[in-house]
Amino acid sequence: AVISGEMKPGAVYSAPSLAEQFGVSPTPVREALLDLAKEGLVEVVRNK
C-alpha cells in the first residue's frame, strides 16, 4: 500500500483504524507498522 501510493505520503494512519478494516485486533497491525518503520516506509508520530 505504501509502495503503490495507496497509503499517501505524509498521511498519518492509526493501528486501530487500519485494524478495523482488516477485521483483526490492533496488535498485529501495530507490529506490522513497526516493521515498516524499521524499513523507513513509515515513521512513528507520538499519540497519533
All heavy atoms as atom14 arrays in JSON, in Angstrom:
{
  "sequence": "AVISGEMKPGAVYSAPSLAEQFGVSPTPVREALLDLAKEGLVEVVRNK",
  "atom14_mask": [
    [1, 1, 1, 1, 1, 0, 0, 0, 0, 0, 0, 0, 0, 0],
    [1, 1, 1, 1, 1, 1, 1, 0, 0, 0, 0, 0, 0, 0],
    [1, 1, 1, 1, 1, 1, 1, 1, 0, 0, 0, 0, 0, 0],
    [1, 1, 1, 1, 1, 1, 0, 0, 0, 0, 0, 0, 0, 0],
    [1, 1, 1, 1, 0, 0, 0, 0, 0, 0, 0, 0, 0, 0],
    [1, 1, 1, 1, 1, 1, 1, 1, 1, 0, 0, 0, 0, 0],
    [1, 1, 1, 1, 1, 1, 1, 1, 0, 0, 0, 0, 0, 0],
    [1, 1, 1, 1, 1, 1, 1, 1, 1, 0, 0, 0, 0, 0],
    [1, 1, 1, 1, 1, 1, 1, 0, 0, 0, 0, 0, 0, 0],
    [1, 1, 1, 1, 0, 0, 0, 0, 0, 0, 0, 0, 0, 0],
    [1, 1, 1, 1, 1, 0, 0, 0, 0, 0, 0, 0, 0, 0],
    [1, 1, 1, 1, 1, 1, 1, 0, 0, 0, 0, 0, 0, 0],
    [1, 1, 1, 1, 1, 1, 1, 1, 1, 1, 1, 1, 0, 0],
    [1, 1, 1, 1, 1, 1, 0, 0, 0, 0, 0, 0, 0, 0],
    [1, 1, 1, 1, 1, 0, 0, 0, 0, 0, 0, 0, 0, 0],
    [1, 1, 1, 1, 1, 1, 1, 0, 0, 0, 0, 0, 0, 0],
    [1, 1, 1, 1, 1, 1, 0, 0, 0, 0, 0, 0, 0, 0],
    [1, 1, 1, 1, 1, 1, 1, 1, 0, 0, 0, 0, 0, 0],
    [1, 1, 1, 1, 1, 0, 0, 0, 0, 0, 0, 0, 0, 0],
    [1, 1, 1, 1, 1, 1, 1, 1, 1, 0, 0, 0, 0, 0],
    [1, 1, 1, 1, 1, 1, 1, 1, 1, 0, 0, 0, 0, 0],
    [1, 1, 1, 1, 1, 1, 1, 1, 1, 1, 1, 0, 0, 0],
    [1, 1, 1, 1, 0, 0, 0, 0, 0, 0, 0, 0, 0, 0],
    [1, 1, 1, 1, 1, 1, 1, 0, 0, 0, 0, 0, 0, 0],
    [1, 1, 1, 1, 1, 1, 0, 0, 0, 0, 0, 0, 0, 0],
    [1, 1, 1, 1, 1, 1, 1, 0, 0, 0, 0, 0, 0, 0],
    [1, 1, 1, 1, 1, 1, 1, 0, 0, 0, 0, 0, 0, 0],
    [1, 1, 1, 1, 1, 1, 1, 0, 0, 0, 0, 0, 0, 0],
    [1, 1, 1, 1, 1, 1, 1, 0, 0, 0, 0, 0, 0, 0],
    [1, 1, 1, 1, 1, 1, 1, 1, 1, 1, 1, 0, 0, 0],
    [1, 1, 1, 1, 1, 1, 1, 1, 1, 0, 0, 0, 0, 0],
    [1, 1, 1, 1, 1, 0, 0, 0, 0, 0, 0, 0, 0, 0],
    [1, 1, 1, 1, 1, 1, 1, 1, 0, 0, 0, 0, 0, 0],
    [1, 1, 1, 1, 1, 1, 1, 1, 0, 0, 0, 0, 0, 0],
    [1, 1, 1, 1, 1, 1, 1, 1, 0, 0, 0, 0, 0, 0],
    [1, 1, 1, 1, 1, 1, 1, 1, 0, 0, 0, 0, 0, 0],
    [1, 1, 1, 1, 1, 0, 0, 0, 0, 0, 0, 0, 0, 0],
    [1, 1, 1, 1, 1, 1, 1, 1, 1, 0, 0, 0, 0, 0],
    [1, 1, 1, 1, 1, 1, 1, 1, 1, 0, 0, 0, 0, 0],
    [1, 1, 1, 1, 0, 0, 0, 0, 0, 0, 0, 0, 0, 0],
    [1, 1, 1, 1, 1, 1, 1, 1, 0, 0, 0, 0, 0, 0],
    [1, 1, 1, 1, 1, 1, 1, 0, 0, 0, 0, 0, 0, 0],
    [1, 1, 1, 1, 1, 1, 1, 1, 1, 0, 0, 0, 0, 0],
    [1, 1, 1, 1, 1, 1, 1, 0, 0, 0, 0, 0, 0, 0],
    [1, 1, 1, 1, 1, 1, 1, 0, 0, 0, 0, 0, 0, 0],
    [1, 1, 1, 1, 1, 1, 1, 1, 1, 1, 1, 0, 0, 0],
    [1, 1, 1, 1, 1, 1, 1, 1, 0, 0, 0, 0, 0, 0],
    [1, 1, 1, 1, 1, 1, 1, 1, 1, 0, 0, 0, 0, 0]
  ],
  "atom14_positions": [
    [[0.83, -1.21, 0.0], [0.0, 0.0, 0.0], [0.86, 1.25, 0.0], [0.53, 2.25, -0.66], [-0.94, -0.01, 1.2], [0.0, 0.0, 0.0], [0.0, 0.0, 0.0], [0.0, 0.0, 0.0], [0.0, 0.0, 0.0], [0.0, 0.0, 0.0], [0.0, 0.0, 0.0], [0.0, 0.0, 0.0], [0.0, 0.0, 0.0], [0.0, 0.0, 0.0]],
    [[1.98, 1.22, 0.73], [2.88, 2.37, 0.77], [3.61, 2.52, -0.56], [3.65, 3.61, -1.15], [3.89, 2.24, 1.92], [4.93, 3.36, 1.84], [3.18, 2.3, 3.27], [0.0, 0.0, 0.0], [0.0, 0.0, 0.0], [0.0, 0.0, 0.0], [0.0, 0.0, 0.0], [0.0, 0.0, 0.0], [0.0, 0.0, 0.0], [0.0, 0.0, 0.0]],
    [[4.19, 1.43, -1.06], [4.97, 1.5, -2.3], [4.1, 1.93, -3.47], [4.51, 2.71, -4.33], [5.62, 0.14, -2.6], [6.66, -0.2, -1.52], [6.31, 0.15, -3.97], [7.24, -1.6, -1.64], [0.0, 0.0, 0.0], [0.0, 0.0, 0.0], [0.0, 0.0, 0.0], [0.0, 0.0, 0.0], [0.0, 0.0, 0.0], [0.0, 0.0, 0.0]],
    [[2.85, 1.44, -3.52], [1.96, 1.77, -4.63], [1.35, 3.15, -4.51], [0.72, 3.63, -5.46], [0.83, 0.74, -4.71], [-0.04, 0.85, -3.59], [0.0, 0.0, 0.0], [0.0, 0.0, 0.0], [0.0, 0.0, 0.0], [0.0, 0.0, 0.0], [0.0, 0.0, 0.0], [0.0, 0.0, 0.0], [0.0, 0.0, 0.0], [0.0, 0.0, 0.0]],
    [[1.49, 3.79, -3.36], [0.89, 5.1, -3.17], [-0.53, 5.06, -2.67], [-1.18, 6.1, -2.53], [0.0, 0.0, 0.0], [0.0, 0.0, 0.0], [0.0, 0.0, 0.0], [0.0, 0.0, 0.0], [0.0, 0.0, 0.0], [0.0, 0.0, 0.0], [0.0, 0.0, 0.0], [0.0, 0.0, 0.0], [0.0, 0.0, 0.0], [0.0, 0.0, 0.0]],
    [[-1.08, 3.85, -2.41], [-2.43, 3.75, -1.86], [-2.47, 4.41, -0.48], [-3.47, 5.03, -0.11], [-2.86, 2.29, -1.76], [-3.26, 1.66, -3.07], [-4.66, 2.04, -3.52], [-5.38, 2.7, -2.75], [-5.03, 1.68, -4.64], [0.0, 0.0, 0.0], [0.0, 0.0, 0.0], [0.0, 0.0, 0.0], [0.0, 0.0, 0.0], [0.0, 0.0, 0.0]],
    [[-1.41, 4.25, 0.29], [-1.26, 4.99, 1.54], [-0.41, 6.21, 1.21], [0.73, 6.09, 0.78], [-0.61, 4.12, 2.63], [-1.5, 2.97, 3.07], [-0.72, 1.85, 4.29], [-0.61, 2.93, 5.73], [0.0, 0.0, 0.0], [0.0, 0.0, 0.0], [0.0, 0.0, 0.0], [0.0, 0.0, 0.0], [0.0, 0.0, 0.0], [0.0, 0.0, 0.0]],
    [[-0.98, 7.38, 1.4], [-0.42, 8.61, 0.87], [0.78, 9.12, 1.67], [0.75, 9.11, 2.89], [-1.5, 9.7, 0.83], [-2.74, 9.32, 0.06], [-2.41, 9.04, -1.4], [-3.67, 8.7, -2.2], [-3.35, 8.33, -3.6], [0.0, 0.0, 0.0], [0.0, 0.0, 0.0], [0.0, 0.0, 0.0], [0.0, 0.0, 0.0], [0.0, 0.0, 0.0]],
    [[1.8, 9.59, 0.97], [2.95, 10.19, 1.65], [2.5, 11.37, 2.52], [1.72, 12.22, 2.08], [3.83, 10.68, 0.5], [3.44, 9.84, -0.66], [1.97, 9.57, -0.49], [0.0, 0.0, 0.0], [0.0, 0.0, 0.0], [0.0, 0.0, 0.0], [0.0, 0.0, 0.0], [0.0, 0.0, 0.0], [0.0, 0.0, 0.0], [0.0, 0.0, 0.0]],
    [[2.97, 11.4, 3.75], [2.62, 12.47, 4.66], [1.38, 12.22, 5.47], [1.16, 12.87, 6.5], [0.0, 0.0, 0.0], [0.0, 0.0, 0.0], [0.0, 0.0, 0.0], [0.0, 0.0, 0.0], [0.0, 0.0, 0.0], [0.0, 0.0, 0.0], [0.0, 0.0, 0.0], [0.0, 0.0, 0.0], [0.0, 0.0, 0.0], [0.0, 0.0, 0.0]],
    [[0.54, 11.27, 5.05], [-0.69, 10.96, 5.79], [-0.36, 10.14, 7.02], [0.58, 9.35, 7.03], [-1.67, 10.21, 4.9], [0.0, 0.0, 0.0], [0.0, 0.0, 0.0], [0.0, 0.0, 0.0], [0.0, 0.0, 0.0], [0.0, 0.0, 0.0], [0.0, 0.0, 0.0], [0.0, 0.0, 0.0], [0.0, 0.0, 0.0], [0.0, 0.0, 0.0]],
    [[-1.15, 10.32, 8.08], [-0.95, 9.6, 9.33], [-2.07, 8.58, 9.49], [-3.25, 8.92, 9.37], [-0.93, 10.56, 10.53], [-0.81, 9.78, 11.84], [0.22, 11.55, 10.4], [0.0, 0.0, 0.0], [0.0, 0.0, 0.0], [0.0, 0.0, 0.0], [0.0, 0.0, 0.0], [0.0, 0.0, 0.0], [0.0, 0.0, 0.0], [0.0, 0.0, 0.0]],
    [[-1.71, 7.33, 9.75], [-2.67, 6.24, 9.9], [-2.51, 5.64, 11.29], [-1.4, 5.47, 11.79], [-2.42, 5.15, 8.85], [-2.6, 5.62, 7.42], [-1.54, 6.2, 6.73], [-3.83, 5.51, 6.77], [-1.7, 6.65, 5.43], [-4.0, 5.96, 5.48], [-2.93, 6.52, 4.81], [-3.08, 6.97, 3.52], [0.0, 0.0, 0.0], [0.0, 0.0, 0.0]],
    [[-3.63, 5.3, 11.91], [-3.59, 4.69, 13.24], [-3.79, 3.18, 13.13], [-4.53, 2.71, 12.26], [-4.68, 5.28, 14.14], [-5.96, 4.87, 13.72], [0.0, 0.0, 0.0], [0.0, 0.0, 0.0], [0.0, 0.0, 0.0], [0.0, 0.0, 0.0], [0.0, 0.0, 0.0], [0.0, 0.0, 0.0], [0.0, 0.0, 0.0], [0.0, 0.0, 0.0]],
    [[-3.13, 2.44, 14.0], [-3.26, 0.99, 14.01], [-4.71, 0.55, 14.26], [-5.21, -0.35, 13.57], [-2.32, 0.38, 15.04], [0.0, 0.0, 0.0], [0.0, 0.0, 0.0], [0.0, 0.0, 0.0], [0.0, 0.0, 0.0], [0.0, 0.0, 0.0], [0.0, 0.0, 0.0], [0.0, 0.0, 0.0], [0.0, 0.0, 0.0], [0.0, 0.0, 0.0]],
    [[-5.44, 1.15, 15.21], [-6.83, 0.73, 15.43], [-7.73, 0.92, 14.22], [-8.56, 0.05, 13.91], [-7.28, 1.6, 16.6], [-6.03, 1.92, 17.33], [-4.99, 2.09, 16.25], [0.0, 0.0, 0.0], [0.0, 0.0, 0.0], [0.0, 0.0, 0.0], [0.0, 0.0, 0.0], [0.0, 0.0, 0.0], [0.0, 0.0, 0.0], [0.0, 0.0, 0.0]],
    [[-7.56, 2.04, 13.51], [-8.43, 2.28, 12.35], [-8.12, 1.31, 11.22], [-9.02, 0.8, 10.55], [-8.3, 3.72, 11.87], [-6.98, 3.99, 11.42], [0.0, 0.0, 0.0], [0.0, 0.0, 0.0], [0.0, 0.0, 0.0], [0.0, 0.0, 0.0], [0.0, 0.0, 0.0], [0.0, 0.0, 0.0], [0.0, 0.0, 0.0], [0.0, 0.0, 0.0]],
    [[-6.84, 1.01, 11.01], [-6.47, 0.03, 9.99], [-6.92, -1.37, 10.4], [-7.39, -2.15, 9.57], [-4.95, 0.04, 9.76], [-4.38, 1.31, 9.12], [-2.85, 1.26, 9.13], [-4.89, 1.5, 7.7], [0.0, 0.0, 0.0], [0.0, 0.0, 0.0], [0.0, 0.0, 0.0], [0.0, 0.0, 0.0], [0.0, 0.0, 0.0], [0.0, 0.0, 0.0]],
    [[-6.78, -1.68, 11.68], [-7.19, -3.0, 12.19], [-8.68, -3.22, 11.99], [-9.13, -4.35, 11.71], [-6.83, -3.12, 13.67], [0.0, 0.0, 0.0], [0.0, 0.0, 0.0], [0.0, 0.0, 0.0], [0.0, 0.0, 0.0], [0.0, 0.0, 0.0], [0.0, 0.0, 0.0], [0.0, 0.0, 0.0], [0.0, 0.0, 0.0], [0.0, 0.0, 0.0]],
    [[-9.46, -2.17, 12.11], [-10.91, -2.29, 11.92], [-11.24, -2.75, 10.52], [-12.11, -3.6, 10.31], [-11.59, -0.95, 12.21], [-13.1, -0.98, 12.1], [-13.73, 0.37, 12.4], [-13.01, 1.3, 12.84], [-14.96, 0.5, 12.19], [0.0, 0.0, 0.0], [0.0, 0.0, 0.0], [0.0, 0.0, 0.0], [0.0, 0.0, 0.0], [0.0, 0.0, 0.0]],
    [[-10.54, -2.2, 9.54], [-10.79, -2.62, 8.15], [-10.27, -4.02, 7.89], [-10.89, -4.81, 7.18], [-10.17, -1.64, 7.16], [-10.44, -2.04, 5.71], [-10.15, -0.93, 4.74], [-10.05, 0.23, 5.12], [-10.01, -1.29, 3.48], [0.0, 0.0, 0.0], [0.0, 0.0, 0.0], [0.0, 0.0, 0.0], [0.0, 0.0, 0.0], [0.0, 0.0, 0.0]],
    [[-9.12, -4.36, 8.47], [-8.57, -5.7, 8.3], [-9.43, -6.75, 9.0], [-9.38, -7.93, 8.67], [-7.16, -5.78, 8.88], [-6.09, -5.22, 7.98], [-5.11, -4.38, 8.49], [-6.03, -5.54, 6.63], [-4.1, -3.88, 7.68], [-5.05, -5.05, 5.82], [-4.07, -4.2, 6.34], [0.0, 0.0, 0.0], [0.0, 0.0, 0.0], [0.0, 0.0, 0.0]],
    [[-10.21, -6.33, 10.01], [-11.02, -7.28, 10.76], [-10.21, -8.04, 11.79], [-10.51, -9.21, 12.08], [0.0, 0.0, 0.0], [0.0, 0.0, 0.0], [0.0, 0.0, 0.0], [0.0, 0.0, 0.0], [0.0, 0.0, 0.0], [0.0, 0.0, 0.0], [0.0, 0.0, 0.0], [0.0, 0.0, 0.0], [0.0, 0.0, 0.0], [0.0, 0.0, 0.0]],
    [[-9.19, -7.4, 12.33], [-8.32, -8.04, 13.33], [-8.12, -7.07, 14.5], [-8.57, -5.93, 14.46], [-6.95, -8.41, 12.72], [-7.13, -9.37, 11.57], [-6.2, -7.17, 12.27], [0.0, 0.0, 0.0], [0.0, 0.0, 0.0], [0.0, 0.0, 0.0], [0.0, 0.0, 0.0], [0.0, 0.0, 0.0], [0.0, 0.0, 0.0], [0.0, 0.0, 0.0]],
    [[-7.42, -7.54, 15.52], [-7.1, -6.68, 16.65], [-5.99, -5.71, 16.25], [-5.25, -5.97, 15.28], [-6.66, -7.51, 17.85], [-5.38, -8.08, 17.61], [0.0, 0.0, 0.0], [0.0, 0.0, 0.0], [0.0, 0.0, 0.0], [0.0, 0.0, 0.0], [0.0, 0.0, 0.0], [0.0, 0.0, 0.0], [0.0, 0.0, 0.0], [0.0, 0.0, 0.0]],
    [[-5.83, -4.61, 16.96], [-4.79, -3.63, 16.61], [-3.37, -4.15, 16.76], [-2.45, -3.64, 16.12], [-5.06, -2.47, 17.58], [-6.48, -2.6, 17.98], [-6.74, -4.1, 18.01], [0.0, 0.0, 0.0], [0.0, 0.0, 0.0], [0.0, 0.0, 0.0], [0.0, 0.0, 0.0], [0.0, 0.0, 0.0], [0.0, 0.0, 0.0], [0.0, 0.0, 0.0]],
    [[-3.16, -5.18, 17.61], [-1.8, -5.62, 17.92], [-0.99, -6.03, 16.69], [0.13, -5.53, 16.48], [-1.82, -6.75, 18.95], [-2.41, -6.27, 20.16], [-0.4, -7.23, 19.25], [0.0, 0.0, 0.0], [0.0, 0.0, 0.0], [0.0, 0.0, 0.0], [0.0, 0.0, 0.0], [0.0, 0.0, 0.0], [0.0, 0.0, 0.0], [0.0, 0.0, 0.0]],
    [[-1.47, -6.97, 15.83], [-0.65, -7.35, 14.67], [-0.46, -6.21, 13.68], [0.56, -6.15, 12.99], [-1.43, -8.51, 14.04], [-2.83, -8.34, 14.52], [-2.72, -7.77, 15.89], [0.0, 0.0, 0.0], [0.0, 0.0, 0.0], [0.0, 0.0, 0.0], [0.0, 0.0, 0.0], [0.0, 0.0, 0.0], [0.0, 0.0, 0.0], [0.0, 0.0, 0.0]],
    [[-1.42, -5.3, 13.62], [-1.29, -4.14, 12.72], [-0.21, -3.21, 13.25], [0.64, -2.72, 12.49], [-2.62, -3.39, 12.59], [-2.46, -2.17, 11.7], [-3.7, -4.32, 12.02], [0.0, 0.0, 0.0], [0.0, 0.0, 0.0], [0.0, 0.0, 0.0], [0.0, 0.0, 0.0], [0.0, 0.0, 0.0], [0.0, 0.0, 0.0], [0.0, 0.0, 0.0]],
    [[-0.22, -2.96, 14.56], [0.81, -2.1, 15.15], [2.19, -2.73, 14.96], [3.16, -2.04, 14.64], [0.52, -1.89, 16.63], [1.45, -0.88, 17.32], [1.03, -0.59, 18.74], [-0.25, 0.1, 18.81], [-1.39, -0.46, 19.19], [-1.43, -1.74, 19.56], [-2.5, 0.23, 19.24], [0.0, 0.0, 0.0], [0.0, 0.0, 0.0], [0.0, 0.0, 0.0]],
    [[2.28, -4.04, 15.15], [3.56, -4.73, 14.96], [4.03, -4.61, 13.5], [5.22, -4.41, 13.24], [3.43, -6.19, 15.35], [3.23, -6.42, 16.85], [2.94, -7.87, 17.19], [2.59, -8.63, 16.26], [3.08, -8.24, 18.37], [0.0, 0.0, 0.0], [0.0, 0.0, 0.0], [0.0, 0.0, 0.0], [0.0, 0.0, 0.0], [0.0, 0.0, 0.0]],
    [[3.08, -4.74, 12.58], [3.42, -4.63, 11.15], [3.91, -3.22, 10.84], [4.89, -3.03, 10.09], [2.2, -4.97, 10.3], [0.0, 0.0, 0.0], [0.0, 0.0, 0.0], [0.0, 0.0, 0.0], [0.0, 0.0, 0.0], [0.0, 0.0, 0.0], [0.0, 0.0, 0.0], [0.0, 0.0, 0.0], [0.0, 0.0, 0.0], [0.0, 0.0, 0.0]],
    [[3.25, -2.21, 11.38], [3.66, -0.83, 11.14], [5.04, -0.55, 11.73], [5.83, 0.2, 11.16], [2.62, 0.12, 11.72], [1.3, 0.19, 10.93], [0.21, 0.88, 11.76], [1.49, 0.92, 9.6], [0.0, 0.0, 0.0], [0.0, 0.0, 0.0], [0.0, 0.0, 0.0], [0.0, 0.0, 0.0], [0.0, 0.0, 0.0], [0.0, 0.0, 0.0]],
    [[5.34, -1.16, 12.88], [6.67, -1.0, 13.46], [7.72, -1.65, 12.57], [8.85, -1.14, 12.45], [6.7, -1.6, 14.87], [5.94, -0.8, 15.94], [5.87, -1.6, 17.24], [6.61, 0.56, 16.18], [0.0, 0.0, 0.0], [0.0, 0.0, 0.0], [0.0, 0.0, 0.0], [0.0, 0.0, 0.0], [0.0, 0.0, 0.0], [0.0, 0.0, 0.0]],
    [[7.36, -2.79, 11.94], [8.27, -3.42, 10.98], [8.54, -2.47, 9.8], [9.68, -2.35, 9.35], [7.69, -4.73, 10.45], [7.72, -5.85, 11.5], [8.48, -5.73, 12.47], [6.94, -6.81, 11.33], [0.0, 0.0, 0.0], [0.0, 0.0, 0.0], [0.0, 0.0, 0.0], [0.0, 0.0, 0.0], [0.0, 0.0, 0.0], [0.0, 0.0, 0.0]],
    [[7.5, -1.82, 9.32], [7.65, -0.88, 8.19], [8.44, 0.35, 8.61], [9.14, 0.95, 7.79], [6.28, -0.47, 7.65], [5.43, -1.58, 7.04], [4.19, -0.98, 6.37], [6.22, -2.42, 6.05], [0.0, 0.0, 0.0], [0.0, 0.0, 0.0], [0.0, 0.0, 0.0], [0.0, 0.0, 0.0], [0.0, 0.0, 0.0], [0.0, 0.0, 0.0]],
    [[8.35, 0.72, 9.9], [9.13, 1.85, 10.39], [10.62, 1.52, 10.34], [11.46, 2.38, 10.02], [8.71, 2.2, 11.81], [0.0, 0.0, 0.0], [0.0, 0.0, 0.0], [0.0, 0.0, 0.0], [0.0, 0.0, 0.0], [0.0, 0.0, 0.0], [0.0, 0.0, 0.0], [0.0, 0.0, 0.0], [0.0, 0.0, 0.0], [0.0, 0.0, 0.0]],
    [[10.97, 0.26, 10.63], [12.37, -0.17, 10.55], [12.87, -0.11, 9.11], [14.06, 0.09, 8.86], [12.52, -1.58, 11.1], [12.24, -1.7, 12.59], [12.33, -3.15, 13.04], [11.99, -3.3, 14.51], [12.0, -4.72, 14.96], [0.0, 0.0, 0.0], [0.0, 0.0, 0.0], [0.0, 0.0, 0.0], [0.0, 0.0, 0.0], [0.0, 0.0, 0.0]],
    [[11.96, -0.31, 8.14], [12.32, -0.24, 6.73], [12.33, 1.18, 6.2], [12.71, 1.42, 5.05], [11.33, -1.08, 5.9], [11.36, -2.56, 6.23], [10.32, -3.35, 5.46], [9.64, -2.76, 4.58], [10.17, -4.55, 5.72], [0.0, 0.0, 0.0], [0.0, 0.0, 0.0], [0.0, 0.0, 0.0], [0.0, 0.0, 0.0], [0.0, 0.0, 0.0]],
    [[11.87, 2.14, 7.02], [11.85, 3.53, 6.6], [10.63, 3.92, 5.79], [10.58, 5.03, 5.23], [0.0, 0.0, 0.0], [0.0, 0.0, 0.0], [0.0, 0.0, 0.0], [0.0, 0.0, 0.0], [0.0, 0.0, 0.0], [0.0, 0.0, 0.0], [0.0, 0.0, 0.0], [0.0, 0.0, 0.0], [0.0, 0.0, 0.0], [0.0, 0.0, 0.0]],
    [[9.64, 3.03, 5.71], [8.44, 3.34, 4.93], [7.46, 4.23, 5.69], [6.7, 4.98, 5.08], [7.73, 2.05, 4.52], [8.49, 1.18, 3.51], [7.72, -0.1, 3.23], [8.72, 1.93, 2.21], [0.0, 0.0, 0.0], [0.0, 0.0, 0.0], [0.0, 0.0, 0.0], [0.0, 0.0, 0.0], [0.0, 0.0, 0.0], [0.0, 0.0, 0.0]],
    [[7.45, 4.12, 7.01], [6.62, 4.98, 7.85], [7.46, 5.44, 9.03], [8.53, 4.9, 9.3], [5.35, 4.24, 8.37], [4.49, 3.74, 7.22], [5.74, 3.08, 9.3], [0.0, 0.0, 0.0], [0.0, 0.0, 0.0], [0.0, 0.0, 0.0], [0.0, 0.0, 0.0], [0.0, 0.0, 0.0], [0.0, 0.0, 0.0], [0.0, 0.0, 0.0]],
    [[6.96, 6.46, 9.73], [7.62, 6.93, 10.93], [6.57, 7.09, 12.03], [5.4, 7.4, 11.75], [8.33, 8.25, 10.69], [7.44, 9.37, 10.17], [8.24, 10.61, 9.78], [9.48, 10.54, 9.79], [7.61, 11.64, 9.46], [0.0, 0.0, 0.0], [0.0, 0.0, 0.0], [0.0, 0.0, 0.0], [0.0, 0.0, 0.0], [0.0, 0.0, 0.0]],
    [[6.98, 6.87, 13.25], [6.07, 6.94, 14.39], [5.75, 8.4, 14.7], [6.66, 9.23, 14.78], [6.67, 6.25, 15.62], [5.72, 6.37, 16.81], [6.99, 4.79, 15.33], [0.0, 0.0, 0.0], [0.0, 0.0, 0.0], [0.0, 0.0, 0.0], [0.0, 0.0, 0.0], [0.0, 0.0, 0.0], [0.0, 0.0, 0.0], [0.0, 0.0, 0.0]],
    [[4.46, 8.69, 14.85], [4.01, 10.01, 15.28], [3.37, 9.82, 16.65], [2.31, 9.21, 16.78], [2.98, 10.62, 14.29], [2.55, 12.0, 14.78], [3.58, 10.7, 12.9], [0.0, 0.0, 0.0], [0.0, 0.0, 0.0], [0.0, 0.0, 0.0], [0.0, 0.0, 0.0], [0.0, 0.0, 0.0], [0.0, 0.0, 0.0], [0.0, 0.0, 0.0]],
    [[4.0, 10.33, 17.66], [3.59, 10.08, 19.03], [2.14, 10.48, 19.27], [1.7, 11.57, 18.89], [4.5, 10.84, 20.0], [4.29, 10.47, 21.46], [5.33, 11.11, 22.34], [5.14, 10.76, 23.73], [5.9, 11.19, 24.73], [6.92, 12.0, 24.46], [5.65, 10.82, 25.97], [0.0, 0.0, 0.0], [0.0, 0.0, 0.0], [0.0, 0.0, 0.0]],
    [[1.4, 9.56, 19.87], [-0.01, 9.76, 20.25], [-0.95, 9.92, 19.05], [-2.11, 10.26, 19.23], [-0.18, 10.98, 21.18], [0.58, 10.81, 22.48], [0.69, 9.7, 23.01], [1.12, 11.9, 23.0], [0.0, 0.0, 0.0], [0.0, 0.0, 0.0], [0.0, 0.0, 0.0], [0.0, 0.0, 0.0], [0.0, 0.0, 0.0], [0.0, 0.0, 0.0]],
    [[-0.46, 9.66, 17.85], [-1.31, 9.79, 16.66], [-1.32, 8.53, 15.81], [-2.36, 8.09, 15.36], [-0.87, 10.99, 15.82], [-1.2, 12.34, 16.43], [-0.91, 13.46, 15.46], [-1.32, 14.81, 16.04], [-1.07, 15.92, 15.08], [0.0, 0.0, 0.0], [0.0, 0.0, 0.0], [0.0, 0.0, 0.0], [0.0, 0.0, 0.0], [0.0, 0.0, 0.0]]
  ]
}
